[in-house]
């Protein structure tokens, strides 16, 4: 068994035993490898974000939180290729690019056979040229979206006018190779779209953002008017009952 397959098997062994921990010695016996190799493999899993943990002392060992991981998924060759292609397009300027890269590594590590070969071959044939988006801006935006926080940002519009404002993020829009943050702008008291490569600074606040309907903000935002025809956004708007 090669190392990639063994790492995947280790995760499944811990998942099957959860929440009961397994000792390094037991895992070494199970996979017929040394305890030192087991330790290295478990540390490698931790570095890639797999939620494995160790409990010291008598009765302790290594375990995994099953609610934090997905069960085994068996992809067809076409499904594996499609997923790999989607993840491979996440360049450094794409929102959640770091998570996409680690997800791609985990998907690749979990696959074997023709699906794995096809996915790796396709990934090597995809090249993405990054756009200009500051990594600190992207990280701040991700935090605000994930934790539902208001975001303080500095923005330069198409005419070169700079402004500082506090917005309440509702979601993201991608159109024609560009990414937009769709948010409720407290300054304008309206929905607005902010091109990510025009946000020059961003900092999450400790204020909770109010919930906003993404479809409504999209239909009224600058980004929607500039990048997407209203007809393209129609499926996002729920049908109104007839009277």
C-alpha atoms as a PDB file:
ATOM      1  CA  UNK A   1       0.000   0.000   0.000  1.00  0.00           C
ATOM      2  CA  UNK A   2       1.471   3.374  -1.017  1.00  0.00           C
ATOM      3  CA  UNK A   3       1.464   6.325   1.356  1.00  0.00           C
ATOM      4  CA  UNK A   4      -1.471   8.143  -0.260  1.00  0.00           C
ATOM      5  CA  UNK A   5      -3.691   5.079  -0.014  1.00  0.00           C
ATOM      6  CA  UNK A   6      -2.506   4.476   3.551  1.00  0.00           C
ATOM      7  CA  UNK A   7      -3.386   8.005   4.659  1.00  0.00           C
ATOM      8  CA  UNK A   8      -6.869   7.546   3.266  1.00  0.00           C
ATOM      9  CA  UNK A   9      -7.169   4.164   4.978  1.00  0.00           C
ATOM     10  CA  UNK A  10      -5.997   5.665   8.287  1.00  0.00           C
ATOM     11  CA  UNK A  11      -8.797   8.201   8.184  1.00  0.00           C
ATOM     12  CA  UNK A  12     -11.358   5.495   7.494  1.00  0.00           C
ATOM     13  CA  UNK A  13      -9.976   3.317  10.313  1.00  0.00           C
ATOM     14  CA  UNK A  14     -10.301   6.210  12.780  1.00  0.00           C
ATOM     15  CA  UNK A  15     -13.766   7.042  11.464  1.00  0.00           C
ATOM     16  CA  UNK A  16     -14.949   3.447  11.926  1.00  0.00           C
ATOM     17  CA  UNK A  17     -13.748   3.408  15.544  1.00  0.00           C
ATOM     18  CA  UNK A  18     -15.043   6.914  16.442  1.00  0.00           C
ATOM     19  CA  UNK A  19     -15.508   8.207  19.032  1.00  0.00           C
ATOM     20  CA  UNK A  20     -13.248   5.547  20.588  1.00  0.00           C
ATOM     21  CA  UNK A  21      -9.546   6.465  20.190  1.00  0.00           C
ATOM     22  CA  UNK A  22      -7.029   4.042  18.694  1.00  0.00           C
ATOM     23  CA  UNK A  23      -3.440   3.747  19.890  1.00  0.00           C
ATOM     24  CA  UNK A  24      -0.454   4.173  17.607  1.00  0.00           C
ATOM     25  CA  UNK A  25       0.529   0.583  18.373  1.00  0.00           C
ATOM     26  CA  UNK A  26      -2.875  -0.706  17.279  1.00  0.00           C
ATOM     27  CA  UNK A  27      -2.724   1.280  14.040  1.00  0.00           C
ATOM     28  CA  UNK A  28       0.817   0.049  13.376  1.00  0.00           C
ATOM     29  CA  UNK A  29      -0.325  -3.539  13.780  1.00  0.00           C
ATOM     30  CA  UNK A  30      -3.394  -2.976  11.602  1.00  0.00           C
ATOM     31  CA  UNK A  31      -1.366  -1.586   8.679  1.00  0.00           C
ATOM     32  CA  UNK A  32       1.792  -3.636   9.290  1.00  0.00           C
ATOM     33  CA  UNK A  33       4.036  -0.579   9.564  1.00  0.00           C
ATOM     34  CA  UNK A  34       6.196   0.887  12.315  1.00  0.00           C
ATOM     35  CA  UNK A  35       4.819   3.124  15.069  1.00  0.00           C
ATOM     36  CA  UNK A  36       7.156   5.840  13.809  1.00  0.00           C
ATOM     37  CA  UNK A  37       5.532   5.704  10.369  1.00  0.00           C
ATOM     38  CA  UNK A  38       2.083   5.901  11.949  1.00  0.00           C
ATOM     39  CA  UNK A  39       3.109   8.996  13.896  1.00  0.00           C
ATOM     40  CA  UNK A  40       4.425  10.653  10.735  1.00  0.00           C
ATOM     41  CA  UNK A  41       1.237   9.830   8.838  1.00  0.00           C
ATOM     42  CA  UNK A  42      -1.013  11.189  11.590  1.00  0.00           C
ATOM     43  CA  UNK A  43       0.979  14.405  11.768  1.00  0.00           C
ATOM     44  CA  UNK A  44       0.698  14.725   7.979  1.00  0.00           C
ATOM     45  CA  UNK A  45      -3.081  14.373   8.230  1.00  0.00           C
ATOM     46  CA  UNK A  46      -3.214  17.114  10.855  1.00  0.00           C
ATOM     47  CA  UNK A  47      -1.173  19.468   8.651  1.00  0.00           C
ATOM     48  CA  UNK A  48      -3.647  19.041   5.777  1.00  0.00           C
ATOM     49  CA  UNK A  49      -6.582  19.930   8.020  1.00  0.00           C
ATOM     50  CA  UNK A  50      -8.036  16.487   8.696  1.00  0.00           C
ATOM     51  CA  UNK A  51      -9.709  16.751  12.162  1.00  0.00           C
ATOM     52  CA  UNK A  52      -7.647  14.035  13.855  1.00  0.00           C
ATOM     53  CA  UNK A  53      -6.703  14.603  17.488  1.00  0.00           C
ATOM     54  CA  UNK A  54      -4.728  12.875  20.177  1.00  0.00           C
ATOM     55  CA  UNK A  55      -5.748  12.253  23.775  1.00  0.00           C
ATOM     56  CA  UNK A  56      -2.812  11.676  26.174  1.00  0.00           C
ATOM     57  CA  UNK A  57      -2.776   9.287  29.114  1.00  0.00           C
ATOM     58  CA  UNK A  58      -4.192   5.881  29.846  1.00  0.00           C
ATOM     59  CA  UNK A  59      -7.123   5.013  27.596  1.00  0.00           C
ATOM     60  CA  UNK A  60      -6.091   7.724  25.153  1.00  0.00           C
ATOM     61  CA  UNK A  61      -4.917   7.568  21.588  1.00  0.00           C
ATOM     62  CA  UNK A  62      -5.833   9.052  18.223  1.00  0.00           C
ATOM     63  CA  UNK A  63      -9.390   9.747  17.132  1.00  0.00           C
ATOM     64  CA  UNK A  64     -11.352  11.725  14.576  1.00  0.00           C
ATOM     65  CA  UNK A  65     -14.490  13.828  14.857  1.00  0.00           C
ATOM     66  CA  UNK A  66     -16.841  12.059  12.403  1.00  0.00           C
ATOM     67  CA  UNK A  67     -19.204  15.038  12.207  1.00  0.00           C
ATOM     68  CA  UNK A  68     -16.322  17.139  10.824  1.00  0.00           C
ATOM     69  CA  UNK A  69     -15.594  14.904   7.846  1.00  0.00           C
ATOM     70  CA  UNK A  70     -17.472  13.474   4.887  1.00  0.00           C
ATOM     71  CA  UNK A  71     -18.080   9.747   4.525  1.00  0.00           C
ATOM     72  CA  UNK A  72     -16.309   7.984   1.625  1.00  0.00           C
ATOM     73  CA  UNK A  73     -17.502   9.213  -1.762  1.00  0.00           C
ATOM     74  CA  UNK A  74     -16.880   7.110  -4.843  1.00  0.00           C
ATOM     75  CA  UNK A  75     -16.515   9.341  -7.894  1.00  0.00           C
ATOM     76  CA  UNK A  76     -16.852   8.187 -11.475  1.00  0.00           C
ATOM     77  CA  UNK A  77     -14.037   9.165 -13.840  1.00  0.00           C
ATOM     78  CA  UNK A  78     -16.132  12.021 -15.272  1.00  0.00           C
ATOM     79  CA  UNK A  79     -17.130  13.253 -11.794  1.00  0.00           C
ATOM     80  CA  UNK A  80     -13.546  13.203 -10.564  1.00  0.00           C
ATOM     81  CA  UNK A  81     -12.381  15.097 -13.638  1.00  0.00           C
ATOM     82  CA  UNK A  82     -15.143  17.700 -13.285  1.00  0.00           C
ATOM     83  CA  UNK A  83     -14.388  18.284  -9.608  1.00  0.00           C
ATOM     84  CA  UNK A  84     -10.658  18.527 -10.224  1.00  0.00           C
ATOM     85  CA  UNK A  85     -11.190  20.988 -13.070  1.00  0.00           C
ATOM     86  CA  UNK A  86     -13.376  23.199 -10.873  1.00  0.00           C
ATOM     87  CA  UNK A  87     -10.876  23.215  -8.013  1.00  0.00           C
ATOM     88  CA  UNK A  88      -7.930  23.751 -10.359  1.00  0.00           C
ATOM     89  CA  UNK A  89      -9.412  27.058 -11.553  1.00  0.00           C
ATOM     90  CA  UNK A  90      -9.192  28.532  -8.024  1.00  0.00           C
ATOM     91  CA  UNK A  91      -6.177  30.799  -8.348  1.00  0.00           C
ATOM     92  CA  UNK A  92      -4.752  32.825  -5.476  1.00  0.00           C
ATOM     93  CA  UNK A  93      -7.240  35.662  -6.046  1.00  0.00           C
ATOM     94  CA  UNK A  94     -10.338  33.459  -5.930  1.00  0.00           C
ATOM     95  CA  UNK A  95     -12.426  33.564  -2.737  1.00  0.00           C
ATOM     96  CA  UNK A  96     -11.692  30.571  -0.502  1.00  0.00           C
ATOM     97  CA  UNK A  97      -8.749  29.631  -2.739  1.00  0.00           C
ATOM     98  CA  UNK A  98      -6.803  28.165   0.191  1.00  0.00           C
ATOM     99  CA  UNK A  99      -9.671  25.849   1.122  1.00  0.00           C
ATOM    100  CA  UNK A 100     -10.094  24.889  -2.539  1.00  0.00           C
ATOM    101  CA  UNK A 101      -6.425  23.892  -2.822  1.00  0.00           C
ATOM    102  CA  UNK A 102      -6.518  21.758   0.330  1.00  0.00           C
ATOM    103  CA  UNK A 103      -9.791  20.186  -0.849  1.00  0.00           C
ATOM    104  CA  UNK A 104      -8.185  19.327  -4.172  1.00  0.00           C
ATOM    105  CA  UNK A 105      -5.298  17.624  -2.362  1.00  0.00           C
ATOM    106  CA  UNK A 106      -7.709  15.574  -0.245  1.00  0.00           C
ATOM    107  CA  UNK A 107      -9.787  14.568  -3.253  1.00  0.00           C
ATOM    108  CA  UNK A 108      -6.649  13.497  -5.115  1.00  0.00           C
ATOM    109  CA  UNK A 109      -5.413  11.541  -2.087  1.00  0.00           C
ATOM    110  CA  UNK A 110      -8.718   9.696  -1.751  1.00  0.00           C
ATOM    111  CA  UNK A 111      -8.868   8.479  -5.359  1.00  0.00           C
ATOM    112  CA  UNK A 112      -7.174   5.530  -6.979  1.00  0.00           C
ATOM    113  CA  UNK A 113      -7.324   3.817 -10.346  1.00  0.00           C
ATOM    114  CA  UNK A 114      -8.619   5.328 -13.608  1.00  0.00           C
ATOM    115  CA  UNK A 115     -10.523   8.156 -11.857  1.00  0.00           C
ATOM    116  CA  UNK A 116      -7.367   9.336 -10.125  1.00  0.00           C
ATOM    117  CA  UNK A 117      -5.288   9.165 -13.319  1.00  0.00           C
ATOM    118  CA  UNK A 118      -7.888  11.061 -15.349  1.00  0.00           C
ATOM    119  CA  UNK A 119      -8.274  13.761 -12.690  1.00  0.00           C
ATOM    120  CA  UNK A 120      -4.527  14.325 -12.297  1.00  0.00           C
ATOM    121  CA  UNK A 121      -4.016  14.432 -16.085  1.00  0.00           C
ATOM    122  CA  UNK A 122      -6.774  17.000 -16.504  1.00  0.00           C
ATOM    123  CA  UNK A 123      -5.486  19.172 -13.641  1.00  0.00           C
ATOM    124  CA  UNK A 124      -2.066  19.340 -15.308  1.00  0.00           C
ATOM    125  CA  UNK A 125      -3.715  20.758 -18.444  1.00  0.00           C
ATOM    126  CA  UNK A 126      -5.500  23.658 -16.717  1.00  0.00           C
ATOM    127  CA  UNK A 127      -3.719  26.998 -16.347  1.00  0.00           C
ATOM    128  CA  UNK A 128      -5.290  29.931 -14.497  1.00  0.00           C
ATOM    129  CA  UNK A 129      -3.858  33.425 -14.786  1.00  0.00           C
ATOM    130  CA  UNK A 130      -4.499  35.246 -11.482  1.00  0.00           C
ATOM    131  CA  UNK A 131      -6.198  38.623 -11.234  1.00  0.00           C
ATOM    132  CA  UNK A 132      -5.093  41.298  -8.801  1.00  0.00           C
ATOM    133  CA  UNK A 133      -6.721  40.754  -5.415  1.00  0.00           C
ATOM    134  CA  UNK A 134      -4.887  41.434  -2.165  1.00  0.00           C
ATOM    135  CA  UNK A 135      -4.697  38.289  -0.018  1.00  0.00           C
ATOM    136  CA  UNK A 136      -5.476  40.274   3.146  1.00  0.00           C
ATOM    137  CA  UNK A 137      -8.583  41.713   1.511  1.00  0.00           C
ATOM    138  CA  UNK A 138      -9.708  38.273   0.415  1.00  0.00           C
ATOM    139  CA  UNK A 139      -9.123  36.795   3.874  1.00  0.00           C
ATOM    140  CA  UNK A 140     -11.048  39.627   5.568  1.00  0.00           C
ATOM    141  CA  UNK A 141     -13.959  39.150   3.176  1.00  0.00           C
ATOM    142  CA  UNK A 142     -14.022  35.386   3.768  1.00  0.00           C
ATOM    143  CA  UNK A 143     -14.091  35.918   7.540  1.00  0.00           C
ATOM    144  CA  UNK A 144     -16.914  38.445   7.292  1.00  0.00           C
ATOM    145  CA  UNK A 145     -18.986  36.147   5.091  1.00  0.00           C
ATOM    146  CA  UNK A 146     -18.332  32.993   7.127  1.00  0.00           C
ATOM    147  CA  UNK A 147     -19.002  34.627  10.508  1.00  0.00           C
ATOM    148  CA  UNK A 148     -21.765  37.010   9.379  1.00  0.00           C
ATOM    149  CA  UNK A 149     -19.883  40.176  10.343  1.00  0.00           C
ATOM    150  CA  UNK A 150     -20.029  43.722   8.996  1.00  0.00           C
ATOM    151  CA  UNK A 151     -16.978  44.609   6.910  1.00  0.00           C
ATOM    152  CA  UNK A 152     -15.125  47.929   6.836  1.00  0.00           C
ATOM    153  CA  UNK A 153     -13.583  48.505   3.410  1.00  0.00           C
ATOM    154  CA  UNK A 154     -11.859  51.054   1.188  1.00  0.00           C
ATOM    155  CA  UNK A 155     -13.019  50.988  -2.429  1.00  0.00           C
ATOM    156  CA  UNK A 156     -11.985  52.598  -5.712  1.00  0.00           C
ATOM    157  CA  UNK A 157     -14.790  52.735  -8.277  1.00  0.00           C
ATOM    158  CA  UNK A 158     -14.508  52.630 -12.075  1.00  0.00           C
ATOM    159  CA  UNK A 159     -14.057  56.411 -12.224  1.00  0.00           C
ATOM    160  CA  UNK A 160     -11.154  56.299  -9.766  1.00  0.00           C
ATOM    161  CA  UNK A 161     -13.111  57.751  -6.826  1.00  0.00           C
ATOM    162  CA  UNK A 162     -12.044  56.362  -3.447  1.00  0.00           C
ATOM    163  CA  UNK A 163     -14.397  55.836  -0.527  1.00  0.00           C
ATOM    164  CA  UNK A 164     -14.472  54.191   2.901  1.00  0.00           C
ATOM    165  CA  UNK A 165     -17.610  52.450   4.065  1.00  0.00           C
ATOM    166  CA  UNK A 166     -19.064  49.702   6.227  1.00  0.00           C
ATOM    167  CA  UNK A 167     -21.019  46.987   4.418  1.00  0.00           C
ATOM    168  CA  UNK A 168     -22.997  43.903   5.400  1.00  0.00           C
ATOM    169  CA  UNK A 169     -21.905  41.043   3.093  1.00  0.00           C
ATOM    170  CA  UNK A 170     -24.661  38.920   1.581  1.00  0.00           C
ATOM    171  CA  UNK A 171     -22.774  36.792  -0.950  1.00  0.00           C
ATOM    172  CA  UNK A 172     -20.476  36.608  -3.951  1.00  0.00           C
ATOM    173  CA  UNK A 173     -21.048  36.992  -7.675  1.00  0.00           C
ATOM    174  CA  UNK A 174     -18.682  35.871 -10.413  1.00  0.00           C
ATOM    175  CA  UNK A 175     -19.180  37.182 -13.931  1.00  0.00           C
ATOM    176  CA  UNK A 176     -16.901  37.484 -16.967  1.00  0.00           C
ATOM    177  CA  UNK A 177     -13.835  36.409 -14.995  1.00  0.00           C
ATOM    178  CA  UNK A 178     -14.351  38.892 -12.153  1.00  0.00           C
ATOM    179  CA  UNK A 179     -15.530  38.445  -8.589  1.00  0.00           C
ATOM    180  CA  UNK A 180     -17.888  40.818  -6.792  1.00  0.00           C
ATOM    181  CA  UNK A 181     -18.854  41.101  -3.142  1.00  0.00           C
ATOM    182  CA  UNK A 182     -22.601  41.712  -2.973  1.00  0.00           C
ATOM    183  CA  UNK A 183     -23.483  43.590   0.191  1.00  0.00           C
ATOM    184  CA  UNK A 184     -25.800  46.071   1.862  1.00  0.00           C
ATOM    185  CA  UNK A 185     -23.933  49.382   2.018  1.00  0.00           C
ATOM    186  CA  UNK A 186     -24.659  51.290   5.209  1.00  0.00           C
ATOM    187  CA  UNK A 187     -23.373  54.503   3.632  1.00  0.00           C
ATOM    188  CA  UNK A 188     -25.659  54.334   0.556  1.00  0.00           C
ATOM    189  CA  UNK A 189     -28.402  52.414   2.397  1.00  0.00           C
ATOM    190  CA  UNK A 190     -28.764  50.147  -0.624  1.00  0.00           C
ATOM    191  CA  UNK A 191     -27.419  46.967  -2.166  1.00  0.00           C
ATOM    192  CA  UNK A 192     -24.089  47.355  -3.898  1.00  0.00           C
ATOM    193  CA  UNK A 193     -21.597  45.170  -5.763  1.00  0.00           C
ATOM    194  CA  UNK A 194     -17.886  45.674  -5.074  1.00  0.00           C
ATOM    195  CA  UNK A 195     -15.311  44.271  -7.488  1.00  0.00           C
ATOM    196  CA  UNK A 196     -12.789  42.420  -5.373  1.00  0.00           C
ATOM    197  CA  UNK A 197      -9.797  43.759  -7.295  1.00  0.00           C
ATOM    198  CA  UNK A 198     -10.964  47.313  -6.535  1.00  0.00           C
ATOM    199  CA  UNK A 199     -11.166  46.803  -2.777  1.00  0.00           C
ATOM    200  CA  UNK A 200      -7.895  48.285  -1.514  1.00  0.00           C
ATOM    201  CA  UNK A 201      -8.344  47.444   2.194  1.00  0.00           C
ATOM    202  CA  UNK A 202     -10.817  45.457   4.266  1.00  0.00           C
ATOM    203  CA  UNK A 203     -11.232  44.628   7.952  1.00  0.00           C
ATOM    204  CA  UNK A 204     -13.992  42.607   9.618  1.00  0.00           C
ATOM    205  CA  UNK A 205     -15.695  44.469  12.473  1.00  0.00           C
ATOM    206  CA  UNK A 206     -17.101  42.915  15.640  1.00  0.00           C
ATOM    207  CA  UNK A 207     -20.631  43.943  14.584  1.00  0.00           C
ATOM    208  CA  UNK A 208     -23.098  41.331  13.411  1.00  0.00           C
ATOM    209  CA  UNK A 209     -24.388  41.827   9.868  1.00  0.00           C
ATOM    210  CA  UNK A 210     -28.138  41.882   9.344  1.00  0.00           C
ATOM    211  CA  UNK A 211     -29.542  39.178   7.050  1.00  0.00           C
ATOM    212  CA  UNK A 212     -30.225  40.372   3.500  1.00  0.00           C
ATOM    213  CA  UNK A 213     -31.833  38.642   0.546  1.00  0.00           C
ATOM    214  CA  UNK A 214     -29.036  38.002  -1.954  1.00  0.00           C
ATOM    215  CA  UNK A 215     -31.358  37.984  -4.985  1.00  0.00           C
ATOM    216  CA  UNK A 216     -32.819  41.394  -4.063  1.00  0.00           C
ATOM    217  CA  UNK A 217     -29.369  42.904  -3.560  1.00  0.00           C
ATOM    218  CA  UNK A 218     -28.127  41.408  -6.837  1.00  0.00           C
ATOM    219  CA  UNK A 219     -30.995  42.872  -8.818  1.00  0.00           C
ATOM    220  CA  UNK A 220     -30.354  46.330  -7.396  1.00  0.00           C
ATOM    221  CA  UNK A 221     -26.567  46.304  -7.230  1.00  0.00           C
ATOM    222  CA  UNK A 222     -24.012  48.036  -9.436  1.00  0.00           C
ATOM    223  CA  UNK A 223     -22.351  44.696 -10.181  1.00  0.00           C
ATOM    224  CA  UNK A 224     -25.579  43.204 -11.496  1.00  0.00           C
ATOM    225  CA  UNK A 225     -26.241  46.169 -13.773  1.00  0.00           C
ATOM    226  CA  UNK A 226     -22.678  46.184 -15.096  1.00  0.00           C
ATOM    227  CA  UNK A 227     -21.952  42.501 -15.471  1.00  0.00           C
ATOM    228  CA  UNK A 228     -25.159  40.468 -15.692  1.00  0.00           C
ATOM    229  CA  UNK A 229     -28.336  41.011 -17.667  1.00  0.00           C
ATOM    230  CA  UNK A 230     -31.473  41.162 -15.500  1.00  0.00           C
ATOM    231  CA  UNK A 231     -32.869  38.146 -17.342  1.00  0.00           C
ATOM    232  CA  UNK A 232     -29.901  36.083 -16.153  1.00  0.00           C
ATOM    233  CA  UNK A 233     -30.787  36.903 -12.537  1.00  0.00           C
ATOM    234  CA  UNK A 234     -34.473  36.075 -12.922  1.00  0.00           C
ATOM    235  CA  UNK A 235     -34.102  32.462 -11.640  1.00  0.00           C
ATOM    236  CA  UNK A 236     -32.807  33.867  -8.338  1.00  0.00           C
ATOM    237  CA  UNK A 237     -36.038  35.752  -7.706  1.00  0.00           C
ATOM    238  CA  UNK A 238     -38.821  33.635  -6.170  1.00  0.00           C
ATOM    239  CA  UNK A 239     -42.075  33.591  -8.080  1.00  0.00           C
ATOM    240  CA  UNK A 240     -44.735  35.812  -6.584  1.00  0.00           C
ATOM    241  CA  UNK A 241     -48.163  34.265  -5.965  1.00  0.00           C
ATOM    242  CA  UNK A 242     -50.924  35.393  -8.305  1.00  0.00           C
ATOM    243  CA  UNK A 243     -54.050  36.994  -6.858  1.00  0.00           C
END
